[in-house]
Structures are given as C-alpha cells and as structure tokens.
Amino acid sequence: MIKFRSILLCAAAFATVAVSSPAAFAQGTTEQRSACMGDAFRYCGAEIPNVARITACMKTNFSKLSPACKAVMIKG
C-alpha cells in the first residue's frame, strides 16, 4: 500500500515535470496533476522514478496523451 502511494505521488510529480522544467514548479498545480497523472502511468510508468526519462517519454507520447494533458502541457 505504501509503495503504491509512493508511486502515485511520484507519477503526479513527474507528469508535472513534463509540463514545466523549473524545479520550483515540480509539484505542479492540481489541474496539471489531474490532467496528466493517468497518462504518466499509462505511457511512462516504466520510467518512474527517472524524471528526465519521464519527461522525454511524455514528450515522445504527446500525440497519445489525453486532450486535457495536452492542453496543460502546451500551456505550461
């Protein structure tokens, strides 16, 4: 249970990193986490916990991301 929670929190943080690179913004907003968490698990789960690889993965899979996540990433 603790491991799943940790993975969930990491995925939320990593999805946010894909949206914006400054470290101060790494936790992201509620909107960003909500929009991209599922996509981060779906397409980039194997890359957790490597932030650089998750960021690259999210960019590589941009065309597959949900419309909400794409919008957040473009806005970022």
N, C-alpha and C. Protein backbone atom coordinates (compact mmCIF):
# COMPACT_ATOMS: atom_id res chain seq x y z
N MET A 1 0.83 -1.19 0.00
CA MET A 1 0.00 0.00 0.00
C MET A 1 0.87 1.25 0.00
N ILE A 2 1.91 1.26 0.83
CA ILE A 2 2.78 2.43 0.89
C ILE A 2 3.52 2.59 -0.42
N LYS A 3 3.97 1.48 -1.02
CA LYS A 3 4.68 1.55 -2.30
C LYS A 3 3.77 2.13 -3.38
N PHE A 4 2.51 1.67 -3.46
CA PHE A 4 1.58 2.19 -4.45
C PHE A 4 1.36 3.68 -4.27
N ARG A 5 1.22 4.10 -3.02
CA ARG A 5 1.01 5.53 -2.74
C ARG A 5 2.24 6.33 -3.18
N SER A 6 3.42 5.82 -2.91
CA SER A 6 4.65 6.50 -3.31
C SER A 6 4.74 6.61 -4.83
N ILE A 7 4.39 5.53 -5.51
CA ILE A 7 4.42 5.54 -6.98
C ILE A 7 3.41 6.55 -7.51
N LEU A 8 2.24 6.59 -6.91
CA LEU A 8 1.21 7.53 -7.33
C LEU A 8 1.68 8.97 -7.15
N LEU A 9 2.29 9.27 -6.02
CA LEU A 9 2.79 10.62 -5.77
C LEU A 9 3.94 10.96 -6.73
N CYS A 10 4.81 10.00 -6.98
CA CYS A 10 5.92 10.22 -7.91
C CYS A 10 5.39 10.48 -9.32
N ALA A 11 4.41 9.71 -9.73
CA ALA A 11 3.86 9.89 -11.07
C ALA A 11 3.25 11.28 -11.23
N ALA A 12 2.58 11.74 -10.20
CA ALA A 12 2.00 13.08 -10.26
C ALA A 12 3.08 14.13 -10.39
N ALA A 13 4.14 13.98 -9.63
CA ALA A 13 5.25 14.94 -9.70
C ALA A 13 5.93 14.87 -11.05
N PHE A 14 6.14 13.67 -11.57
CA PHE A 14 6.83 13.52 -12.84
C PHE A 14 6.00 14.01 -14.01
N ALA A 15 4.70 13.81 -13.94
CA ALA A 15 3.84 14.33 -15.00
C ALA A 15 3.91 15.84 -15.04
N THR A 16 4.01 16.43 -13.89
CA THR A 16 4.12 17.88 -13.80
C THR A 16 5.45 18.36 -14.36
N VAL A 17 6.51 17.59 -14.13
CA VAL A 17 7.82 17.96 -14.66
C VAL A 17 7.76 18.02 -16.18
N ALA A 18 6.99 17.16 -16.78
CA ALA A 18 6.85 17.17 -18.23
C ALA A 18 6.20 18.46 -18.71
N VAL A 19 5.42 19.05 -17.86
CA VAL A 19 4.73 20.28 -18.21
C VAL A 19 5.64 21.50 -18.08
N SER A 20 6.49 21.47 -17.08
CA SER A 20 7.34 22.62 -16.81
C SER A 20 8.65 22.14 -16.20
N SER A 21 9.76 22.67 -16.66
CA SER A 21 11.03 22.18 -16.17
C SER A 21 11.57 22.85 -14.91
N PRO A 22 11.21 24.06 -14.55
CA PRO A 22 11.79 24.64 -13.33
C PRO A 22 11.49 23.79 -12.10
N ALA A 23 12.51 23.55 -11.29
CA ALA A 23 12.37 22.69 -10.11
C ALA A 23 11.33 23.21 -9.13
N ALA A 24 11.21 24.51 -9.00
CA ALA A 24 10.25 25.08 -8.06
C ALA A 24 8.82 24.74 -8.45
N PHE A 25 8.62 24.42 -9.71
CA PHE A 25 7.28 24.13 -10.21
C PHE A 25 7.03 22.63 -10.28
N ALA A 26 7.98 21.82 -9.80
CA ALA A 26 7.93 20.37 -9.99
C ALA A 26 6.70 19.70 -9.42
N GLN A 27 6.09 20.26 -8.40
CA GLN A 27 4.90 19.61 -7.86
C GLN A 27 3.66 19.94 -8.67
N GLY A 28 3.65 21.02 -9.37
CA GLY A 28 2.55 21.36 -10.26
C GLY A 28 1.27 21.74 -9.54
N THR A 29 0.32 22.14 -10.33
CA THR A 29 -0.98 22.52 -9.79
C THR A 29 -1.89 21.31 -9.75
N THR A 30 -2.98 21.44 -9.05
CA THR A 30 -3.97 20.38 -9.01
C THR A 30 -4.46 20.07 -10.41
N GLU A 31 -4.66 21.09 -11.21
CA GLU A 31 -5.12 20.91 -12.59
C GLU A 31 -4.13 20.07 -13.39
N GLN A 32 -2.85 20.37 -13.27
CA GLN A 32 -1.82 19.64 -14.01
C GLN A 32 -1.75 18.18 -13.57
N ARG A 33 -1.78 17.96 -12.27
CA ARG A 33 -1.73 16.59 -11.77
C ARG A 33 -2.95 15.80 -12.23
N SER A 34 -4.10 16.41 -12.12
CA SER A 34 -5.33 15.73 -12.52
C SER A 34 -5.33 15.41 -14.01
N ALA A 35 -4.84 16.32 -14.80
CA ALA A 35 -4.87 16.15 -16.25
C ALA A 35 -3.89 15.10 -16.75
N CYS A 36 -2.76 14.96 -16.11
CA CYS A 36 -1.68 14.12 -16.66
C CYS A 36 -1.34 12.85 -15.88
N MET A 37 -1.87 12.68 -14.70
CA MET A 37 -1.46 11.53 -13.90
C MET A 37 -1.75 10.21 -14.60
N GLY A 38 -2.94 10.06 -15.14
CA GLY A 38 -3.29 8.81 -15.83
C GLY A 38 -2.39 8.55 -17.02
N ASP A 39 -2.09 9.59 -17.78
CA ASP A 39 -1.21 9.44 -18.94
C ASP A 39 0.20 9.07 -18.51
N ALA A 40 0.66 9.66 -17.43
CA ALA A 40 2.01 9.35 -16.94
C ALA A 40 2.11 7.87 -16.57
N PHE A 41 1.10 7.33 -15.89
CA PHE A 41 1.10 5.91 -15.56
C PHE A 41 0.97 5.05 -16.82
N ARG A 42 0.06 5.44 -17.69
CA ARG A 42 -0.25 4.64 -18.89
C ARG A 42 0.94 4.53 -19.83
N TYR A 43 1.56 5.65 -20.13
CA TYR A 43 2.60 5.67 -21.16
C TYR A 43 4.03 5.68 -20.62
N CYS A 44 4.21 6.11 -19.39
CA CYS A 44 5.57 6.32 -18.88
C CYS A 44 5.83 5.66 -17.54
N GLY A 45 4.97 4.77 -17.12
CA GLY A 45 5.12 4.12 -15.82
C GLY A 45 6.45 3.40 -15.67
N ALA A 46 6.95 2.85 -16.74
CA ALA A 46 8.23 2.12 -16.68
C ALA A 46 9.41 3.05 -16.42
N GLU A 47 9.22 4.34 -16.63
CA GLU A 47 10.31 5.31 -16.46
C GLU A 47 10.41 5.85 -15.03
N ILE A 48 9.41 5.57 -14.21
CA ILE A 48 9.42 6.05 -12.83
C ILE A 48 10.54 5.37 -12.08
N PRO A 49 11.39 6.05 -11.37
CA PRO A 49 11.34 7.42 -10.88
C PRO A 49 12.29 8.38 -11.60
N ASN A 50 12.75 8.06 -12.80
CA ASN A 50 13.71 8.90 -13.50
C ASN A 50 13.00 10.09 -14.16
N VAL A 51 13.16 11.27 -13.58
CA VAL A 51 12.44 12.46 -14.04
C VAL A 51 12.76 12.79 -15.50
N ALA A 52 14.03 12.73 -15.87
CA ALA A 52 14.41 13.06 -17.24
C ALA A 52 13.78 12.10 -18.24
N ARG A 53 13.74 10.82 -17.89
CA ARG A 53 13.16 9.83 -18.81
C ARG A 53 11.65 9.96 -18.89
N ILE A 54 11.01 10.31 -17.78
CA ILE A 54 9.56 10.52 -17.81
C ILE A 54 9.23 11.73 -18.66
N THR A 55 10.00 12.79 -18.50
CA THR A 55 9.78 14.00 -19.30
C THR A 55 9.92 13.68 -20.77
N ALA A 56 10.96 12.98 -21.14
CA ALA A 56 11.18 12.59 -22.54
C ALA A 56 10.04 11.70 -23.03
N CYS A 57 9.61 10.77 -22.19
CA CYS A 57 8.53 9.86 -22.55
C CYS A 57 7.23 10.61 -22.81
N MET A 58 6.90 11.56 -21.95
CA MET A 58 5.67 12.33 -22.13
C MET A 58 5.72 13.13 -23.42
N LYS A 59 6.88 13.68 -23.73
CA LYS A 59 7.03 14.43 -24.98
C LYS A 59 6.93 13.50 -26.18
N THR A 60 7.56 12.33 -26.09
CA THR A 60 7.51 11.36 -27.18
C THR A 60 6.09 10.89 -27.43
N ASN A 61 5.33 10.73 -26.38
CA ASN A 61 3.96 10.23 -26.49
C ASN A 61 2.91 11.33 -26.54
N PHE A 62 3.32 12.54 -26.84
CA PHE A 62 2.41 13.68 -26.82
C PHE A 62 1.15 13.41 -27.64
N SER A 63 1.29 12.81 -28.81
CA SER A 63 0.12 12.57 -29.66
C SER A 63 -0.88 11.59 -29.03
N LYS A 64 -0.43 10.77 -28.09
CA LYS A 64 -1.30 9.80 -27.43
C LYS A 64 -1.94 10.34 -26.15
N LEU A 65 -1.46 11.46 -25.65
CA LEU A 65 -1.95 11.99 -24.39
C LEU A 65 -3.40 12.44 -24.49
N SER A 66 -4.06 12.45 -23.37
CA SER A 66 -5.44 12.90 -23.31
C SER A 66 -5.50 14.38 -23.68
N PRO A 67 -6.62 14.83 -24.21
CA PRO A 67 -6.75 16.25 -24.57
C PRO A 67 -6.46 17.18 -23.39
N ALA A 68 -6.88 16.81 -22.19
CA ALA A 68 -6.66 17.65 -21.02
C ALA A 68 -5.15 17.77 -20.71
N CYS A 69 -4.44 16.66 -20.79
CA CYS A 69 -2.99 16.69 -20.53
C CYS A 69 -2.26 17.49 -21.61
N LYS A 70 -2.66 17.29 -22.85
CA LYS A 70 -2.04 18.06 -23.94
C LYS A 70 -2.21 19.56 -23.70
N ALA A 71 -3.41 19.95 -23.31
CA ALA A 71 -3.69 21.37 -23.07
C ALA A 71 -2.81 21.92 -21.95
N VAL A 72 -2.66 21.14 -20.89
CA VAL A 72 -1.84 21.57 -19.77
C VAL A 72 -0.38 21.67 -20.19
N MET A 73 0.09 20.71 -20.97
CA MET A 73 1.48 20.73 -21.41
C MET A 73 1.75 21.91 -22.33
N ILE A 74 0.83 22.21 -23.20
CA ILE A 74 1.00 23.35 -24.12
C ILE A 74 1.00 24.65 -23.34
N LYS A 75 0.10 24.73 -22.35
CA LYS A 75 0.00 25.93 -21.52
C LYS A 75 1.25 26.16 -20.69
N GLY A 76 1.85 25.04 -20.22
CA GLY A 76 2.97 25.08 -19.30
C GLY A 76 4.08 25.94 -19.73
